[in-house]
Amino acid sequence: MAKRLELRFNNEAGRNVTIGLDDPIEPADSATISAVMDEIINHNVFTSSQGSLVEKRGARIVERNVEEIELD
């Protein structure tokens, strides 16, 4: 079971941009995540092909289950 924290932003063009972090610390602290996202925007840490990140859209933890299938 793999987990990933996704930080979701809008860029200058109004497009969605997602930054993913593997193996997040749990339980997730929403205040800390929000503060980090504000810092990313304020310091222009990341840009996208259509401009800087300008607005927070949200954050989520995505869990993926993988079940291997044995072939004959």
Protein backbone atom coordinates (compact mmCIF):
# COMPACT_ATOMS: atom_id res chain seq x y z
CA MET A 1 0.00 0.00 0.00
CA ALA A 2 1.68 3.19 -1.18
CA LYS A 3 0.61 6.61 0.06
CA ARG A 4 1.32 9.98 -1.48
CA LEU A 5 0.57 13.52 -0.34
CA GLU A 6 -0.62 15.66 -3.25
CA LEU A 7 -0.43 19.45 -2.97
CA ARG A 8 -2.78 20.97 -5.51
CA PHE A 9 -2.37 24.51 -6.89
CA ASN A 10 -3.60 26.77 -9.69
CA ASN A 11 -0.99 28.46 -11.88
CA GLU A 12 -1.08 31.86 -13.60
CA ALA A 13 -3.02 30.37 -16.53
CA GLY A 14 -5.66 28.98 -14.18
CA ARG A 15 -4.52 25.41 -14.79
CA ASN A 16 -4.19 22.71 -12.15
CA VAL A 17 -0.71 21.80 -10.91
CA THR A 18 -0.04 18.93 -8.50
CA ILE A 19 3.13 18.36 -6.49
CA GLY A 20 3.38 14.86 -5.04
CA LEU A 21 5.35 13.68 -2.02
CA ASP A 22 5.77 9.97 -1.29
CA ASP A 23 5.33 8.43 2.17
CA PRO A 24 3.77 11.40 4.01
CA ILE A 25 3.87 11.69 7.78
CA GLU A 26 0.56 10.67 9.29
CA PRO A 27 -1.70 11.85 10.64
CA ALA A 28 -1.52 14.79 8.23
CA ASP A 29 -1.47 18.22 9.90
CA SER A 30 -3.66 20.49 7.78
CA ALA A 31 -2.31 23.70 9.33
CA THR A 32 1.29 22.72 8.53
CA ILE A 33 0.38 21.64 4.99
CA SER A 34 -1.44 24.93 4.39
CA ALA A 35 1.51 26.95 5.73
CA VAL A 36 3.97 25.05 3.50
CA MET A 37 1.76 25.62 0.47
CA ASP A 38 1.66 29.35 1.28
CA GLU A 39 5.48 29.38 1.44
CA ILE A 40 5.72 27.60 -1.90
CA ILE A 41 3.52 30.28 -3.48
CA ASN A 42 5.08 33.27 -1.68
CA HIS A 43 8.68 32.28 -2.50
CA ASN A 44 7.88 31.06 -6.03
CA VAL A 45 9.60 27.76 -5.25
CA PHE A 46 8.09 25.89 -8.21
CA THR A 47 6.84 27.01 -11.59
CA SER A 48 4.93 25.18 -14.26
CA SER A 49 5.03 25.35 -18.03
CA GLN A 50 2.19 27.88 -17.87
CA GLY A 51 3.52 30.13 -15.14
CA SER A 52 4.00 30.42 -11.41
CA LEU A 53 1.81 28.82 -8.79
CA VAL A 54 -0.62 31.46 -7.56
CA GLU A 55 -3.39 29.77 -5.54
CA LYS A 56 -3.96 26.75 -3.30
CA ARG A 57 -6.62 24.32 -4.54
CA GLY A 58 -6.27 21.74 -1.81
CA ALA A 59 -4.30 18.79 -0.56
CA ARG A 60 -5.04 15.12 -0.31
CA ILE A 61 -3.48 11.81 0.60
CA VAL A 62 -3.83 9.23 -2.15
CA GLU A 63 -3.50 5.57 -1.30
CA ARG A 64 -2.72 2.98 -3.93
CA ASN A 65 -3.11 -0.74 -3.48
CA VAL A 66 -1.26 -3.04 -5.84
CA GLU A 67 -2.03 -6.73 -6.04
CA GLU A 68 0.36 -8.82 -8.08
CA ILE A 69 -1.21 -11.50 -10.25
CA GLU A 70 0.77 -14.68 -10.69
CA LEU A 71 0.69 -15.90 -14.26
CA ASP A 72 0.70 -19.58 -15.21
